[in-house]
Amino acid sequence: MMALDAHEKDTDQDGDIAPELVSIARLVTYARNSAKDLDLEFSTYCLDLALGSLVEEIRKRGVDKTEASDEGEYTASVISGASH
C-alpha cells in the first residue's frame, strides 16, 4: 500500500495522470468486451458507463485523441483494442 501511496503522490505532483487513466480505460475496455462476449448485458452496460466516464476524464485532462464510433458511443483511439 505504501508504494501505491508514493505513486499517487508522484502523480499528483506531476499533475499528469492521463497515462494512468488510459491504462485504466484499457482494462475497462477489456472487461467490457469480455462481458459483451459472454452476453452479460448489465455488466456490459455498467462497464460502458465506466468507459464513458474515463474517456470524459481523459478529454478533460487534455488527451483529446478520441473519436465517435458508428453506434454514437465514444471510444478513445489511444485505447488499443477498443471495439464496439
N, C-alpha and C. Protein backbone atom coordinates (compact mmCIF):
# COMPACT_ATOMS: atom_id res chain seq x y z
N MET A 1 0.82 -1.20 0.00
CA MET A 1 0.00 0.00 0.00
C MET A 1 0.86 1.25 0.00
N MET A 2 1.99 1.17 0.65
CA MET A 2 2.86 2.33 0.73
C MET A 2 3.39 2.72 -0.65
N ALA A 3 3.71 1.72 -1.48
CA ALA A 3 4.18 2.01 -2.84
C ALA A 3 3.09 2.70 -3.64
N LEU A 4 1.85 2.28 -3.44
CA LEU A 4 0.74 2.91 -4.15
C LEU A 4 0.61 4.36 -3.72
N ASP A 5 0.71 4.63 -2.42
CA ASP A 5 0.62 6.00 -1.94
C ASP A 5 1.73 6.86 -2.52
N ALA A 6 2.93 6.32 -2.59
CA ALA A 6 4.06 7.06 -3.16
C ALA A 6 3.81 7.35 -4.63
N HIS A 7 3.24 6.37 -5.35
CA HIS A 7 2.93 6.57 -6.77
C HIS A 7 1.88 7.66 -6.94
N GLU A 8 0.85 7.61 -6.10
CA GLU A 8 -0.19 8.64 -6.17
C GLU A 8 0.38 10.02 -5.90
N LYS A 9 1.27 10.12 -4.93
CA LYS A 9 1.88 11.40 -4.59
C LYS A 9 2.71 11.93 -5.75
N ASP A 10 3.50 11.04 -6.41
CA ASP A 10 4.29 11.45 -7.56
C ASP A 10 3.40 11.91 -8.70
N THR A 11 2.31 11.19 -8.92
CA THR A 11 1.38 11.56 -9.99
C THR A 11 0.75 12.90 -9.71
N ASP A 12 0.36 13.15 -8.46
CA ASP A 12 -0.24 14.43 -8.10
C ASP A 12 0.75 15.58 -8.30
N GLN A 13 2.00 15.36 -7.95
CA GLN A 13 2.99 16.41 -8.09
C GLN A 13 3.23 16.73 -9.56
N ASP A 14 3.23 15.71 -10.40
CA ASP A 14 3.43 15.92 -11.83
C ASP A 14 2.19 16.53 -12.46
N GLY A 15 1.02 16.24 -11.92
CA GLY A 15 -0.22 16.77 -12.45
C GLY A 15 -0.68 16.08 -13.72
N ASP A 16 0.02 15.05 -14.16
CA ASP A 16 -0.33 14.36 -15.40
C ASP A 16 -0.69 12.91 -15.09
N ILE A 17 -1.98 12.69 -14.89
CA ILE A 17 -2.42 11.32 -14.63
C ILE A 17 -3.02 10.69 -15.88
N ALA A 18 -2.93 11.38 -17.01
CA ALA A 18 -3.51 10.87 -18.25
C ALA A 18 -3.01 9.46 -18.60
N PRO A 19 -1.72 9.16 -18.48
CA PRO A 19 -1.27 7.79 -18.79
C PRO A 19 -1.94 6.74 -17.88
N GLU A 20 -2.15 7.09 -16.63
CA GLU A 20 -2.83 6.17 -15.71
C GLU A 20 -4.29 5.98 -16.12
N LEU A 21 -4.94 7.07 -16.51
CA LEU A 21 -6.34 6.99 -16.95
C LEU A 21 -6.46 6.13 -18.20
N VAL A 22 -5.53 6.26 -19.12
CA VAL A 22 -5.54 5.46 -20.33
C VAL A 22 -5.35 3.98 -19.98
N SER A 23 -4.48 3.69 -19.05
CA SER A 23 -4.27 2.30 -18.61
C SER A 23 -5.55 1.71 -18.02
N ILE A 24 -6.20 2.50 -17.18
CA ILE A 24 -7.46 2.04 -16.58
C ILE A 24 -8.51 1.84 -17.66
N ALA A 25 -8.56 2.75 -18.63
CA ALA A 25 -9.53 2.63 -19.72
C ALA A 25 -9.29 1.38 -20.53
N ARG A 26 -8.03 1.02 -20.74
CA ARG A 26 -7.72 -0.23 -21.45
C ARG A 26 -8.24 -1.43 -20.67
N LEU A 27 -8.04 -1.41 -19.38
CA LEU A 27 -8.52 -2.50 -18.53
C LEU A 27 -10.04 -2.61 -18.58
N VAL A 28 -10.71 -1.48 -18.47
CA VAL A 28 -12.18 -1.47 -18.52
C VAL A 28 -12.67 -1.92 -19.89
N THR A 29 -11.96 -1.51 -20.95
CA THR A 29 -12.33 -1.93 -22.31
C THR A 29 -12.24 -3.45 -22.44
N TYR A 30 -11.18 -4.02 -21.91
CA TYR A 30 -11.02 -5.48 -21.96
C TYR A 30 -12.16 -6.17 -21.21
N ALA A 31 -12.45 -5.67 -20.02
CA ALA A 31 -13.53 -6.26 -19.21
C ALA A 31 -14.88 -6.09 -19.91
N ARG A 32 -15.11 -4.93 -20.51
CA ARG A 32 -16.36 -4.67 -21.21
C ARG A 32 -16.54 -5.61 -22.39
N ASN A 33 -15.47 -5.78 -23.17
CA ASN A 33 -15.54 -6.67 -24.32
C ASN A 33 -15.75 -8.12 -23.90
N SER A 34 -15.12 -8.53 -22.80
CA SER A 34 -15.31 -9.88 -22.27
C SER A 34 -16.75 -10.07 -21.81
N ALA A 35 -17.29 -9.09 -21.11
CA ALA A 35 -18.68 -9.17 -20.65
C ALA A 35 -19.64 -9.25 -21.83
N LYS A 36 -19.35 -8.48 -22.86
CA LYS A 36 -20.21 -8.50 -24.06
C LYS A 36 -20.15 -9.86 -24.73
N ASP A 37 -18.96 -10.44 -24.84
CA ASP A 37 -18.80 -11.76 -25.45
C ASP A 37 -19.55 -12.84 -24.67
N LEU A 38 -19.67 -12.64 -23.36
CA LEU A 38 -20.37 -13.61 -22.50
C LEU A 38 -21.86 -13.29 -22.37
N ASP A 39 -22.33 -12.30 -23.13
CA ASP A 39 -23.74 -11.87 -23.09
C ASP A 39 -24.20 -11.45 -21.69
N LEU A 40 -23.32 -10.77 -20.98
CA LEU A 40 -23.64 -10.23 -19.66
C LEU A 40 -24.09 -8.79 -19.85
N GLU A 41 -25.37 -8.64 -20.15
CA GLU A 41 -25.89 -7.34 -20.56
C GLU A 41 -25.71 -6.24 -19.51
N PHE A 42 -26.06 -6.52 -18.26
CA PHE A 42 -25.96 -5.48 -17.24
C PHE A 42 -24.50 -5.12 -16.96
N SER A 43 -23.64 -6.11 -16.91
CA SER A 43 -22.21 -5.84 -16.71
C SER A 43 -21.64 -5.03 -17.86
N THR A 44 -22.04 -5.38 -19.09
CA THR A 44 -21.59 -4.62 -20.26
C THR A 44 -22.05 -3.18 -20.15
N TYR A 45 -23.30 -2.99 -19.75
CA TYR A 45 -23.84 -1.63 -19.59
C TYR A 45 -23.04 -0.84 -18.56
N CYS A 46 -22.79 -1.43 -17.42
CA CYS A 46 -22.05 -0.73 -16.36
C CYS A 46 -20.62 -0.40 -16.81
N LEU A 47 -19.99 -1.33 -17.49
CA LEU A 47 -18.63 -1.09 -17.97
C LEU A 47 -18.62 -0.04 -19.08
N ASP A 48 -19.68 0.02 -19.89
CA ASP A 48 -19.82 1.09 -20.88
C ASP A 48 -19.86 2.45 -20.19
N LEU A 49 -20.62 2.52 -19.09
CA LEU A 49 -20.70 3.77 -18.34
C LEU A 49 -19.33 4.15 -17.78
N ALA A 50 -18.64 3.17 -17.22
CA ALA A 50 -17.31 3.42 -16.66
C ALA A 50 -16.35 3.89 -17.75
N LEU A 51 -16.39 3.25 -18.91
CA LEU A 51 -15.51 3.65 -20.00
C LEU A 51 -15.83 5.06 -20.48
N GLY A 52 -17.11 5.36 -20.59
CA GLY A 52 -17.51 6.72 -20.99
C GLY A 52 -17.01 7.76 -20.02
N SER A 53 -17.09 7.45 -18.74
CA SER A 53 -16.60 8.37 -17.71
C SER A 53 -15.09 8.57 -17.82
N LEU A 54 -14.37 7.49 -18.06
CA LEU A 54 -12.92 7.59 -18.20
C LEU A 54 -12.54 8.40 -19.44
N VAL A 55 -13.24 8.17 -20.54
CA VAL A 55 -12.95 8.93 -21.77
C VAL A 55 -13.19 10.42 -21.53
N GLU A 56 -14.28 10.73 -20.82
CA GLU A 56 -14.56 12.13 -20.49
C GLU A 56 -13.45 12.74 -19.65
N GLU A 57 -12.98 11.99 -18.67
CA GLU A 57 -11.90 12.47 -17.81
C GLU A 57 -10.60 12.64 -18.59
N ILE A 58 -10.33 11.71 -19.49
CA ILE A 58 -9.12 11.80 -20.32
C ILE A 58 -9.19 13.06 -21.18
N ARG A 59 -10.35 13.35 -21.75
CA ARG A 59 -10.51 14.57 -22.55
C ARG A 59 -10.29 15.82 -21.71
N LYS A 60 -10.84 15.82 -20.50
CA LYS A 60 -10.68 16.97 -19.61
C LYS A 60 -9.21 17.23 -19.30
N ARG A 61 -8.45 16.15 -19.24
CA ARG A 61 -7.03 16.26 -18.89
C ARG A 61 -6.16 16.60 -20.09
N GLY A 62 -6.77 16.77 -21.26
CA GLY A 62 -6.01 17.24 -22.40
C GLY A 62 -5.52 16.17 -23.36
N VAL A 63 -5.90 14.93 -23.17
CA VAL A 63 -5.53 13.89 -24.11
C VAL A 63 -6.74 13.68 -25.00
N ASP A 64 -6.92 14.59 -25.95
CA ASP A 64 -8.13 14.57 -26.78
C ASP A 64 -7.88 13.82 -28.08
N LYS A 65 -7.63 12.52 -27.96
CA LYS A 65 -7.44 11.67 -29.14
C LYS A 65 -8.61 10.69 -29.19
N THR A 66 -9.81 11.22 -29.17
CA THR A 66 -10.99 10.38 -29.16
C THR A 66 -11.77 10.56 -30.44
N GLU A 67 -12.57 9.56 -30.73
CA GLU A 67 -13.40 9.62 -31.93
C GLU A 67 -14.70 8.89 -31.66
N ALA A 68 -15.75 9.27 -32.36
CA ALA A 68 -17.05 8.64 -32.18
C ALA A 68 -17.12 7.37 -33.00
N SER A 69 -17.76 6.36 -32.44
CA SER A 69 -17.97 5.13 -33.19
C SER A 69 -19.28 5.23 -33.95
N ASP A 70 -19.56 4.25 -34.77
CA ASP A 70 -20.79 4.25 -35.56
C ASP A 70 -22.03 4.22 -34.67
N GLU A 71 -21.92 3.63 -33.49
CA GLU A 71 -23.06 3.50 -32.59
C GLU A 71 -23.31 4.75 -31.78
N GLY A 72 -22.53 5.80 -32.00
CA GLY A 72 -22.71 7.03 -31.25
C GLY A 72 -22.01 7.02 -29.91
N GLU A 73 -21.30 5.94 -29.61
CA GLU A 73 -20.56 5.86 -28.37
C GLU A 73 -19.17 6.42 -28.63
N TYR A 74 -18.51 6.86 -27.58
CA TYR A 74 -17.18 7.40 -27.74
C TYR A 74 -16.16 6.42 -27.21
N THR A 75 -15.13 6.22 -27.98
CA THR A 75 -14.03 5.36 -27.56
C THR A 75 -12.75 6.14 -27.76
N ALA A 76 -11.78 5.88 -26.95
CA ALA A 76 -10.51 6.57 -27.08
C ALA A 76 -9.63 5.83 -28.07
N SER A 77 -9.15 6.54 -29.07
CA SER A 77 -8.27 5.89 -30.05
C SER A 77 -6.93 5.53 -29.43
N VAL A 78 -6.63 6.14 -28.28
CA VAL A 78 -5.40 5.79 -27.59
C VAL A 78 -5.55 4.49 -26.82
N ILE A 79 -6.78 3.97 -26.76
CA ILE A 79 -7.02 2.71 -26.06
C ILE A 79 -6.99 1.61 -27.11
N SER A 80 -5.90 0.89 -27.18
CA SER A 80 -5.78 -0.13 -28.21
C SER A 80 -6.77 -1.26 -27.94
N GLY A 81 -7.31 -1.79 -29.01
CA GLY A 81 -8.23 -2.91 -28.90
C GLY A 81 -9.64 -2.53 -28.55
N ALA A 82 -9.94 -1.25 -28.52
CA ALA A 82 -11.30 -0.82 -28.19
C ALA A 82 -12.20 -1.05 -29.38
N SER A 83 -13.08 -2.03 -29.26
CA SER A 83 -14.01 -2.29 -30.35
C SER A 83 -15.42 -2.32 -29.82
N HIS A 84 -16.31 -1.63 -30.50
CA HIS A 84 -17.70 -1.57 -30.07
C HIS A 84 -18.58 -2.08 -31.16
